[in-house]
N, C-alpha and C. Protein backbone atom coordinates (compact mmCIF):
# COMPACT_ATOMS: atom_id res chain seq x y z
N MET A 1 -36.94 -16.37 -36.31
CA MET A 1 -36.39 -17.30 -37.12
C MET A 1 -35.45 -16.98 -38.44
N GLN A 2 -34.62 -17.74 -38.90
CA GLN A 2 -33.75 -17.09 -39.69
C GLN A 2 -33.71 -17.49 -40.34
N PHE A 3 -33.48 -18.66 -41.44
CA PHE A 3 -32.98 -19.64 -42.63
C PHE A 3 -32.32 -19.09 -43.15
N HIS A 4 -30.43 -19.96 -43.18
CA HIS A 4 -29.57 -19.39 -43.80
C HIS A 4 -29.22 -20.38 -45.08
N MET A 5 -28.69 -19.51 -45.59
CA MET A 5 -28.15 -20.60 -46.89
C MET A 5 -26.99 -19.81 -47.45
N ILE A 6 -26.03 -20.91 -47.32
CA ILE A 6 -24.70 -20.03 -47.29
C ILE A 6 -24.33 -20.05 -49.09
N ALA A 7 -23.80 -18.78 -49.28
CA ALA A 7 -23.23 -18.25 -50.70
C ALA A 7 -21.90 -19.34 -50.88
N GLY A 8 -22.08 -20.14 -51.86
CA GLY A 8 -20.63 -20.83 -51.97
C GLY A 8 -19.94 -22.42 -51.24
N GLY A 9 -20.88 -22.12 -50.18
CA GLY A 9 -21.88 -23.40 -49.29
C GLY A 9 -21.92 -24.94 -50.11
N PRO A 10 -21.37 -26.00 -49.20
CA PRO A 10 -21.88 -27.13 -49.58
C PRO A 10 -23.18 -27.73 -49.95
N GLN A 11 -22.69 -28.39 -50.91
CA GLN A 11 -24.75 -28.87 -52.03
C GLN A 11 -25.46 -29.75 -50.88
N PRO A 12 -26.69 -28.78 -50.62
CA PRO A 12 -27.10 -29.22 -50.00
C PRO A 12 -27.66 -30.98 -50.94
N VAL A 13 -27.48 -32.53 -50.03
CA VAL A 13 -28.46 -33.28 -50.37
C VAL A 13 -30.17 -33.27 -50.36
N ALA A 14 -30.07 -32.02 -49.04
CA ALA A 14 -31.83 -32.25 -49.44
C ALA A 14 -32.19 -31.81 -48.87
N PRO A 15 -33.85 -31.43 -48.69
CA PRO A 15 -34.49 -30.30 -49.50
C PRO A 15 -34.04 -29.21 -47.75
N PHE A 16 -33.49 -28.55 -47.45
CA PHE A 16 -32.59 -27.66 -45.80
C PHE A 16 -32.27 -26.85 -46.58
N SER A 17 -32.12 -26.04 -45.11
CA SER A 17 -31.62 -25.28 -44.87
C SER A 17 -30.12 -25.55 -44.24
N HIS A 18 -28.71 -24.31 -44.31
CA HIS A 18 -27.57 -24.82 -44.23
C HIS A 18 -27.31 -24.67 -43.02
N ALA A 19 -28.95 -23.62 -41.91
CA ALA A 19 -28.31 -23.35 -40.47
C ALA A 19 -30.13 -22.49 -40.26
N VAL A 20 -29.99 -22.70 -39.61
CA VAL A 20 -31.59 -21.57 -38.56
C VAL A 20 -31.49 -21.07 -37.37
N GLU A 21 -31.75 -20.04 -37.20
CA GLU A 21 -31.11 -19.35 -36.38
C GLU A 21 -31.92 -18.90 -35.48
N SER A 22 -32.08 -19.10 -33.73
CA SER A 22 -33.29 -18.39 -33.24
C SER A 22 -33.00 -18.23 -31.98
N ASP A 23 -33.50 -17.23 -31.80
CA ASP A 23 -32.65 -16.58 -29.61
C ASP A 23 -31.54 -17.05 -29.78
N GLY A 24 -30.54 -16.57 -30.64
CA GLY A 24 -29.45 -17.19 -29.91
C GLY A 24 -28.91 -17.53 -30.54
N PHE A 25 -29.86 -18.96 -30.87
CA PHE A 25 -28.71 -20.43 -31.24
C PHE A 25 -28.87 -20.56 -32.53
N VAL A 26 -27.93 -21.02 -33.49
CA VAL A 26 -27.29 -21.12 -34.77
C VAL A 26 -28.10 -23.04 -34.48
N PHE A 27 -28.99 -23.60 -35.56
CA PHE A 27 -28.29 -25.20 -36.11
C PHE A 27 -27.85 -25.74 -36.98
N ILE A 28 -27.00 -26.49 -37.14
CA ILE A 28 -26.02 -26.17 -38.00
C ILE A 28 -26.56 -27.61 -38.75
N THR A 29 -27.03 -27.77 -40.17
CA THR A 29 -27.29 -28.45 -40.57
C THR A 29 -25.86 -29.67 -40.32
N GLY A 30 -26.77 -31.29 -40.91
CA GLY A 30 -25.97 -33.14 -40.73
C GLY A 30 -24.74 -32.53 -42.17
N GLN A 31 -23.45 -32.01 -42.65
CA GLN A 31 -23.35 -32.71 -43.42
C GLN A 31 -22.49 -33.34 -43.73
N MET A 32 -21.94 -33.29 -45.07
CA MET A 32 -20.97 -34.04 -45.69
C MET A 32 -20.05 -34.40 -46.04
N PRO A 33 -19.06 -35.44 -46.60
CA PRO A 33 -17.71 -34.81 -46.14
C PRO A 33 -16.66 -34.61 -47.67
N ASP A 34 -18.24 -33.93 -49.10
CA ASP A 34 -17.45 -34.06 -49.90
C ASP A 34 -17.39 -32.70 -49.89
N THR A 35 -17.62 -31.80 -51.15
CA THR A 35 -16.85 -30.48 -50.77
C THR A 35 -18.05 -29.38 -51.89
N PRO A 36 -17.80 -28.52 -51.97
CA PRO A 36 -18.55 -27.46 -52.78
C PRO A 36 -18.19 -28.25 -53.90
N ALA A 37 -16.84 -27.80 -53.92
CA ALA A 37 -16.91 -27.90 -56.05
C ALA A 37 -16.99 -28.87 -56.49
N ALA A 38 -16.66 -30.35 -55.64
CA ALA A 38 -17.49 -31.31 -55.86
C ALA A 38 -18.38 -32.29 -55.50
N PRO A 39 -19.27 -31.79 -55.29
CA PRO A 39 -20.56 -32.30 -54.71
C PRO A 39 -21.06 -34.30 -54.92
N GLY A 40 -20.79 -34.65 -54.22
CA GLY A 40 -21.09 -36.53 -54.53
C GLY A 40 -19.98 -36.76 -54.50
N VAL A 41 -18.47 -36.15 -53.97
CA VAL A 41 -16.95 -36.79 -54.27
C VAL A 41 -16.35 -37.12 -52.69
N LEU A 42 -16.33 -38.13 -52.52
CA LEU A 42 -16.64 -37.83 -51.39
C LEU A 42 -14.70 -39.23 -51.05
N PRO A 43 -14.00 -37.86 -50.09
CA PRO A 43 -12.75 -39.15 -50.19
C PRO A 43 -12.21 -40.40 -49.75
N ALA A 44 -11.26 -41.28 -49.44
CA ALA A 44 -11.50 -42.10 -49.11
C ALA A 44 -10.61 -42.27 -47.55
N GLY A 45 -12.14 -42.82 -46.78
CA GLY A 45 -10.29 -43.51 -45.20
C GLY A 45 -11.42 -41.47 -44.79
N ILE A 46 -11.37 -42.57 -43.18
CA ILE A 46 -12.68 -41.68 -42.12
C ILE A 46 -11.64 -39.78 -41.66
N GLU A 47 -10.24 -40.24 -41.05
CA GLU A 47 -9.71 -38.93 -41.26
C GLU A 47 -9.74 -37.89 -42.33
N ALA A 48 -9.68 -38.15 -43.78
CA ALA A 48 -10.07 -37.62 -44.84
C ALA A 48 -11.48 -36.67 -45.34
N GLN A 49 -12.29 -37.69 -44.10
CA GLN A 49 -13.56 -37.37 -44.31
C GLN A 49 -14.30 -36.45 -43.35
N THR A 50 -14.01 -36.87 -42.37
CA THR A 50 -14.11 -36.08 -40.89
C THR A 50 -13.67 -34.50 -40.81
N ASN A 51 -12.19 -34.19 -42.15
CA ASN A 51 -11.57 -33.25 -42.09
C ASN A 51 -12.56 -32.85 -43.29
N ASN A 52 -13.04 -33.65 -43.93
CA ASN A 52 -13.84 -32.53 -45.61
C ASN A 52 -14.81 -31.79 -43.90
N VAL A 53 -15.76 -32.85 -43.93
CA VAL A 53 -16.98 -32.79 -42.92
C VAL A 53 -16.96 -31.31 -41.91
N MET A 54 -15.84 -31.19 -40.97
CA MET A 54 -15.53 -29.89 -40.29
C MET A 54 -15.43 -28.80 -40.82
N ALA A 55 -15.03 -28.89 -42.63
CA ALA A 55 -14.08 -27.91 -43.44
C ALA A 55 -15.94 -27.44 -43.20
N ASN A 56 -16.62 -28.56 -44.21
CA ASN A 56 -18.07 -27.62 -44.46
C ASN A 56 -18.75 -26.85 -43.46
N LEU A 57 -18.51 -27.05 -42.55
CA LEU A 57 -19.41 -27.03 -41.03
C LEU A 57 -18.55 -25.72 -40.98
N GLN A 58 -16.85 -25.28 -40.92
CA GLN A 58 -16.50 -24.06 -40.97
C GLN A 58 -16.89 -23.22 -41.27
N THR A 59 -17.53 -23.44 -42.99
CA THR A 59 -17.43 -23.01 -43.90
C THR A 59 -18.97 -22.12 -44.26
N VAL A 60 -20.01 -22.85 -43.64
CA VAL A 60 -21.54 -22.65 -43.12
C VAL A 60 -20.87 -21.51 -42.24
N LEU A 61 -20.72 -21.38 -40.07
CA LEU A 61 -20.50 -21.00 -39.43
C LEU A 61 -19.56 -19.90 -39.74
N ASN A 62 -18.06 -19.97 -40.64
CA ASN A 62 -17.94 -18.52 -40.77
C ASN A 62 -18.87 -17.77 -41.97
N GLY A 63 -19.89 -18.66 -42.94
CA GLY A 63 -20.35 -17.19 -43.74
C GLY A 63 -21.92 -17.04 -42.37
N LEU A 64 -21.79 -17.06 -41.21
CA LEU A 64 -23.00 -16.46 -41.00
C LEU A 64 -21.57 -15.33 -39.28
N GLY A 65 -20.69 -15.46 -39.34
CA GLY A 65 -20.08 -14.42 -38.64
C GLY A 65 -19.36 -14.92 -37.13
N LEU A 66 -19.66 -16.42 -37.48
CA LEU A 66 -19.28 -17.13 -36.42
C LEU A 66 -17.81 -18.61 -36.68
N GLY A 67 -17.68 -18.91 -36.08
CA GLY A 67 -16.50 -20.38 -36.01
C GLY A 67 -16.61 -21.37 -35.39
N LEU A 68 -15.90 -21.67 -34.94
CA LEU A 68 -15.87 -23.73 -33.79
C LEU A 68 -15.51 -22.98 -32.62
N GLU A 69 -14.93 -21.58 -32.03
CA GLU A 69 -15.28 -21.11 -30.99
C GLU A 69 -16.78 -21.31 -30.07
N HIS A 70 -18.32 -20.67 -31.09
CA HIS A 70 -19.25 -20.81 -30.99
C HIS A 70 -20.11 -21.37 -30.85
N VAL A 71 -19.23 -22.64 -30.89
CA VAL A 71 -20.76 -24.33 -31.05
C VAL A 71 -20.19 -24.47 -29.33
N VAL A 72 -21.81 -25.49 -29.34
CA VAL A 72 -21.62 -25.63 -28.24
C VAL A 72 -22.42 -27.23 -27.92
N MET A 73 -22.23 -28.09 -29.03
CA MET A 73 -23.11 -28.63 -29.02
C MET A 73 -22.24 -29.66 -30.45
N ALA A 74 -22.49 -30.88 -30.83
CA ALA A 74 -22.03 -31.50 -32.34
C ALA A 74 -22.43 -32.91 -31.78
N ARG A 75 -23.00 -33.55 -33.24
CA ARG A 75 -23.69 -35.03 -33.04
C ARG A 75 -23.08 -35.68 -34.21
N VAL A 76 -22.06 -36.45 -33.96
CA VAL A 76 -21.10 -37.19 -34.99
C VAL A 76 -22.66 -37.78 -35.18
N TYR A 77 -22.43 -38.89 -36.83
CA TYR A 77 -22.94 -39.53 -36.64
C TYR A 77 -21.66 -40.63 -37.79
N LEU A 78 -21.61 -42.14 -37.74
CA LEU A 78 -20.85 -42.82 -38.27
C LEU A 78 -22.09 -44.06 -38.63
N THR A 79 -21.56 -44.63 -39.34
CA THR A 79 -21.16 -45.73 -40.50
C THR A 79 -20.95 -46.75 -40.32
N HIS A 80 -19.35 -47.02 -39.61
CA HIS A 80 -18.59 -48.12 -39.37
C HIS A 80 -18.34 -47.01 -38.13
N PHE A 81 -18.98 -47.47 -36.76
CA PHE A 81 -18.44 -46.95 -35.65
C PHE A 81 -18.03 -47.71 -35.32
N LYS A 82 -17.45 -48.45 -34.58
CA LYS A 82 -16.17 -49.53 -34.71
C LYS A 82 -14.72 -49.44 -35.43
N GLU A 83 -15.05 -49.30 -36.17
CA GLU A 83 -13.68 -48.90 -37.48
C GLU A 83 -13.53 -47.73 -37.02
N ASP A 84 -13.92 -46.81 -37.03
CA ASP A 84 -14.00 -45.34 -37.23
C ASP A 84 -13.40 -44.51 -35.83
N TYR A 85 -14.65 -44.91 -34.83
CA TYR A 85 -14.29 -43.87 -34.05
C TYR A 85 -13.46 -44.16 -33.40
N ALA A 86 -12.21 -44.01 -33.28
CA ALA A 86 -10.69 -43.72 -32.49
C ALA A 86 -10.17 -42.67 -33.21
N ALA A 87 -10.07 -43.07 -34.93
CA ALA A 87 -9.54 -41.71 -35.60
C ALA A 87 -10.75 -41.25 -36.33
N MET A 88 -11.29 -40.62 -36.51
CA MET A 88 -12.50 -39.78 -36.21
C MET A 88 -12.73 -38.87 -34.98
N ASN A 89 -11.90 -40.11 -33.80
CA ASN A 89 -11.37 -38.40 -32.45
C ASN A 89 -10.73 -37.67 -33.07
N ALA A 90 -10.05 -38.39 -32.98
CA ALA A 90 -8.62 -38.92 -33.59
C ALA A 90 -8.38 -36.68 -34.66
N ALA A 91 -8.87 -37.35 -35.52
CA ALA A 91 -9.51 -36.23 -36.40
C ALA A 91 -10.49 -34.75 -35.87
N TYR A 92 -11.05 -34.94 -35.07
CA TYR A 92 -11.87 -34.69 -34.73
C TYR A 92 -11.35 -33.64 -33.95
N ARG A 93 -11.01 -34.07 -32.10
CA ARG A 93 -9.97 -33.34 -31.32
C ARG A 93 -9.05 -31.64 -32.30
N ARG A 94 -8.75 -32.17 -33.56
CA ARG A 94 -7.95 -30.51 -33.91
C ARG A 94 -8.67 -29.71 -34.26
N PHE A 95 -9.13 -29.64 -34.02
CA PHE A 95 -10.92 -28.54 -34.46
C PHE A 95 -10.80 -27.82 -32.83
N PHE A 96 -10.58 -28.33 -32.26
CA PHE A 96 -11.24 -27.81 -30.90
C PHE A 96 -10.11 -27.74 -30.01
N PRO A 97 -9.50 -26.33 -29.15
CA PRO A 97 -8.75 -26.38 -27.99
C PRO A 97 -9.33 -27.48 -27.26
N GLN A 98 -8.38 -28.14 -26.44
CA GLN A 98 -8.93 -28.85 -24.87
C GLN A 98 -9.55 -28.61 -24.32
N ASP A 99 -9.34 -27.25 -24.30
CA ASP A 99 -9.92 -26.76 -22.97
C ASP A 99 -11.43 -26.50 -23.59
N ARG A 100 -12.07 -26.33 -24.63
CA ARG A 100 -12.95 -25.89 -25.05
C ARG A 100 -13.87 -26.48 -26.15
N LEU A 101 -14.11 -28.36 -25.37
CA LEU A 101 -14.79 -28.51 -26.33
C LEU A 101 -15.86 -28.90 -26.13
N PRO A 102 -17.17 -28.45 -27.37
CA PRO A 102 -18.43 -28.37 -27.17
C PRO A 102 -19.41 -29.73 -26.47
N ALA A 103 -20.14 -29.76 -26.32
CA ALA A 103 -21.18 -31.04 -25.47
C ALA A 103 -21.44 -32.51 -27.27
N ARG A 104 -21.06 -33.33 -27.04
CA ARG A 104 -21.77 -34.66 -28.58
C ARG A 104 -21.53 -35.67 -27.15
N THR A 105 -22.69 -35.62 -29.01
CA THR A 105 -23.06 -37.16 -29.00
C THR A 105 -22.42 -37.55 -30.27
N CYS A 106 -22.13 -38.94 -30.22
CA CYS A 106 -21.52 -39.76 -31.37
C CYS A 106 -22.67 -41.66 -31.00
N VAL A 107 -23.38 -41.13 -32.66
CA VAL A 107 -23.89 -42.83 -32.85
C VAL A 107 -23.91 -43.67 -33.95
N GLY A 108 -23.89 -44.66 -33.28
CA GLY A 108 -23.46 -45.51 -35.12
C GLY A 108 -25.05 -45.38 -35.62
N VAL A 109 -25.45 -45.71 -37.22
CA VAL A 109 -26.41 -45.42 -37.86
C VAL A 109 -25.93 -46.38 -38.84
N THR A 110 -27.61 -46.90 -39.61
CA THR A 110 -27.22 -48.23 -40.68
C THR A 110 -26.83 -47.26 -42.48
N GLY A 111 -26.75 -45.29 -42.08
CA GLY A 111 -26.34 -45.13 -43.89
C GLY A 111 -26.57 -43.75 -43.75
N LEU A 112 -25.84 -43.73 -44.58
CA LEU A 112 -25.63 -41.79 -44.70
C LEU A 112 -26.79 -41.20 -45.97
N ALA A 113 -26.01 -40.45 -46.51
CA ALA A 113 -26.39 -39.94 -48.17
C ALA A 113 -24.84 -40.03 -48.55
N TYR A 114 -24.86 -40.34 -50.07
CA TYR A 114 -23.97 -40.31 -50.66
C TYR A 114 -22.63 -41.91 -49.92
N ASP A 115 -23.28 -42.97 -49.57
CA ASP A 115 -22.99 -43.76 -48.45
C ASP A 115 -21.21 -43.13 -47.52
N ALA A 116 -21.82 -42.18 -47.18
CA ALA A 116 -20.23 -41.39 -46.71
C ALA A 116 -19.98 -42.60 -44.98
N ARG A 117 -19.36 -41.97 -43.83
CA ARG A 117 -19.03 -42.53 -43.55
C ARG A 117 -19.18 -42.06 -42.05
N ILE A 118 -18.99 -40.80 -42.30
CA ILE A 118 -19.50 -39.85 -41.20
C ILE A 118 -20.30 -38.03 -41.63
N GLU A 119 -21.33 -37.50 -40.68
CA GLU A 119 -21.48 -36.51 -40.46
C GLU A 119 -21.83 -35.79 -39.64
N ILE A 120 -21.39 -34.98 -39.65
CA ILE A 120 -21.69 -34.65 -38.48
C ILE A 120 -22.15 -33.08 -38.46
N ASP A 121 -23.34 -32.77 -37.53
CA ASP A 121 -24.05 -31.05 -36.65
C ASP A 121 -24.43 -31.09 -35.86
N LEU A 122 -23.85 -29.57 -35.81
CA LEU A 122 -24.15 -28.46 -35.11
C LEU A 122 -24.77 -27.80 -34.06
N VAL A 123 -24.91 -27.36 -32.87
CA VAL A 123 -25.61 -26.54 -32.40
C VAL A 123 -24.56 -25.34 -32.01
N ALA A 124 -24.57 -24.08 -32.82
CA ALA A 124 -23.88 -22.75 -32.19
C ALA A 124 -24.43 -21.96 -31.21
N ARG A 125 -24.00 -21.06 -30.63
CA ARG A 125 -24.39 -20.06 -30.24
C ARG A 125 -23.77 -18.98 -29.98
N ARG A 126 -24.59 -17.19 -30.28
CA ARG A 126 -24.23 -16.81 -30.94
C ARG A 126 -23.63 -15.45 -29.91
N PRO A 127 -22.63 -14.49 -29.59
CA PRO A 127 -22.49 -13.75 -28.20
C PRO A 127 -22.61 -13.44 -28.13
N ALA A 128 -23.36 -12.99 -26.26
CA ALA A 128 -24.03 -11.21 -25.82
C ALA A 128 -23.71 -10.81 -26.51
């Protein structure tokens, strides 16, 4: 197993690795909608927060020599599920080709770090 911290990556909000790799699978820790340059500062609105989360996930993936095309599973956590679900989906789907959408779970939660509206974690697979 390998435990990865990505130089220049998002600032951890808790004690965790950016990613853990085992047998070709890469488990990317849930990312928040802040930026490495401004930890804890969140943009307004679910679309901007979704874009920041996806950018942070791409930073971690790219730091491991991977990209969104290697993602096999995504989990999305929303604090304002009914209000944000449609707009989050519109922002999220721009990151993946229509014929290459990863498996996904999306759930409503009561709270997230930094009072964020969204967090997303990923499972990726290294090419054989």
